[in-house]
C-alpha cells in the first residue's frame, strides 16, 4: 500500500508531459532507459537468470529505479521484506540526495 500511495502521489504531482520521479530512473545514472520497451527488456533479461527476483533487485539498486524493486516481489526467490527494503533505500536516497553525481 505504501508503494502504491507513493506512486499515486508522484503521478498527481508530476507535470502531464513527464513521467513521475518515483516511477522512472534518474536520467544521468541510466542513460535514458525509461522507455517501456527497455523495462520489458530488463525484465526478460532478469527472468532468464537462475534467481530472477534477486537479479531484478540488483538491477533496481544499480539503476536506482524503485519500480523494479516492486516488480521483483512477484518472484519467489526474494522475500517481500527484501523488496521493500530495496524500494525504501532507493526512494530515501532520491529524497535525501536528489542530485548525486
Protein backbone atom coordinates (compact mmCIF):
# COMPACT_ATOMS: atom_id res chain seq x y z
CA UNK A 1 0.00 0.00 0.00
CA UNK A 2 2.87 2.39 0.78
CA UNK A 3 4.39 1.82 -2.66
CA UNK A 4 1.07 2.38 -4.42
CA UNK A 5 0.34 5.55 -2.45
CA UNK A 6 3.78 6.93 -3.26
CA UNK A 7 3.38 6.18 -6.94
CA UNK A 8 -0.10 7.74 -6.95
CA UNK A 9 1.21 10.87 -5.22
CA UNK A 10 4.06 11.11 -7.73
CA UNK A 11 1.64 10.81 -10.65
CA UNK A 12 -0.55 13.56 -9.19
CA UNK A 13 2.40 15.91 -8.61
CA UNK A 14 4.12 15.24 -11.94
CA UNK A 15 3.52 17.57 -14.89
CA UNK A 16 1.38 16.00 -17.59
CA UNK A 17 4.27 15.90 -20.06
CA UNK A 18 6.67 13.96 -17.85
CA UNK A 19 6.60 10.62 -16.06
CA UNK A 20 6.72 10.75 -12.25
CA UNK A 21 10.07 10.68 -10.49
CA UNK A 22 9.11 7.67 -8.37
CA UNK A 23 8.42 5.64 -11.47
CA UNK A 24 11.37 6.37 -13.75
CA UNK A 25 15.12 6.03 -13.29
CA UNK A 26 17.35 9.04 -12.97
CA UNK A 27 18.50 10.03 -16.46
CA UNK A 28 22.07 10.89 -15.53
CA UNK A 29 22.51 7.47 -13.96
CA UNK A 30 20.79 5.27 -16.54
CA UNK A 31 21.34 6.93 -19.89
CA UNK A 32 17.64 7.16 -20.94
CA UNK A 33 16.42 3.67 -20.01
CA UNK A 34 12.95 4.87 -19.01
CA UNK A 35 11.05 3.66 -22.08
CA UNK A 36 8.57 0.81 -21.61
CA UNK A 37 10.38 -1.40 -24.13
CA UNK A 38 13.56 -1.08 -22.05
CA UNK A 39 11.61 -2.02 -18.91
CA UNK A 40 10.39 -5.22 -20.54
CA UNK A 41 13.87 -5.96 -21.86
CA UNK A 42 15.26 -5.67 -18.33
CA UNK A 43 12.51 -7.98 -17.04
CA UNK A 44 13.17 -10.51 -19.81
CA UNK A 45 16.92 -10.49 -19.11
CA UNK A 46 16.41 -10.99 -15.37
CA UNK A 47 13.82 -13.74 -15.94
CA UNK A 48 16.46 -15.83 -17.70
CA UNK A 49 18.71 -15.84 -14.62
CA UNK A 50 18.73 -18.63 -12.04
CA UNK A 51 17.35 -16.23 -9.40
CA UNK A 52 15.31 -13.68 -11.34
CA UNK A 53 13.99 -11.75 -8.33
CA UNK A 54 17.46 -11.31 -6.91
CA UNK A 55 18.77 -10.22 -10.31
CA UNK A 56 15.96 -7.69 -10.62
CA UNK A 57 16.65 -6.32 -7.14
CA UNK A 58 20.31 -5.91 -8.04
CA UNK A 59 19.30 -4.11 -11.23
CA UNK A 60 16.94 -1.86 -9.24
CA UNK A 61 19.79 -0.85 -6.95
CA UNK A 62 22.18 -0.37 -9.84
CA UNK A 63 19.75 1.77 -11.83
CA UNK A 64 18.21 3.42 -8.77
CA UNK A 65 14.77 2.56 -10.14
CA UNK A 66 12.33 1.71 -7.31
CA UNK A 67 9.69 0.28 -9.64
CA UNK A 68 11.99 -2.66 -10.36
CA UNK A 69 12.08 -3.45 -6.64
CA UNK A 70 8.29 -3.55 -6.60
CA UNK A 71 8.15 -5.84 -9.64
CA UNK A 72 10.79 -8.13 -8.15
CA UNK A 73 8.33 -9.03 -5.39
CA UNK A 74 6.48 -11.15 -7.99
CA UNK A 75 9.33 -13.68 -7.98
CA UNK A 76 9.54 -16.46 -5.40
CA UNK A 77 13.31 -16.27 -4.86
CA UNK A 78 13.05 -12.99 -2.92
CA UNK A 79 11.11 -12.08 0.18
CA UNK A 80 8.68 -9.17 0.31
CA UNK A 81 10.80 -7.57 3.05
CA UNK A 82 13.89 -7.64 0.80
CA UNK A 83 11.93 -5.93 -1.98
CA UNK A 84 10.54 -3.34 0.42
CA UNK A 85 14.00 -2.67 1.83
CA UNK A 86 15.46 -2.01 -1.61
CA UNK A 87 12.48 0.15 -2.55
CA UNK A 88 12.86 2.20 0.63
CA UNK A 89 16.61 2.53 0.14
CA UNK A 90 16.23 3.87 -3.40
CA UNK A 91 13.29 6.13 -2.55
CA UNK A 92 15.01 7.57 0.51
CA UNK A 93 18.21 8.18 -1.43
CA UNK A 94 16.24 10.13 -4.05
CA UNK A 95 14.53 12.16 -1.35
CA UNK A 96 17.63 12.96 0.69
CA UNK A 97 20.19 13.07 -2.15
CA UNK A 98 18.27 14.17 -5.27
CA UNK A 99 21.28 15.31 -7.33
CA UNK A 100 24.06 12.83 -6.62
CA UNK A 101 26.85 12.98 -9.17
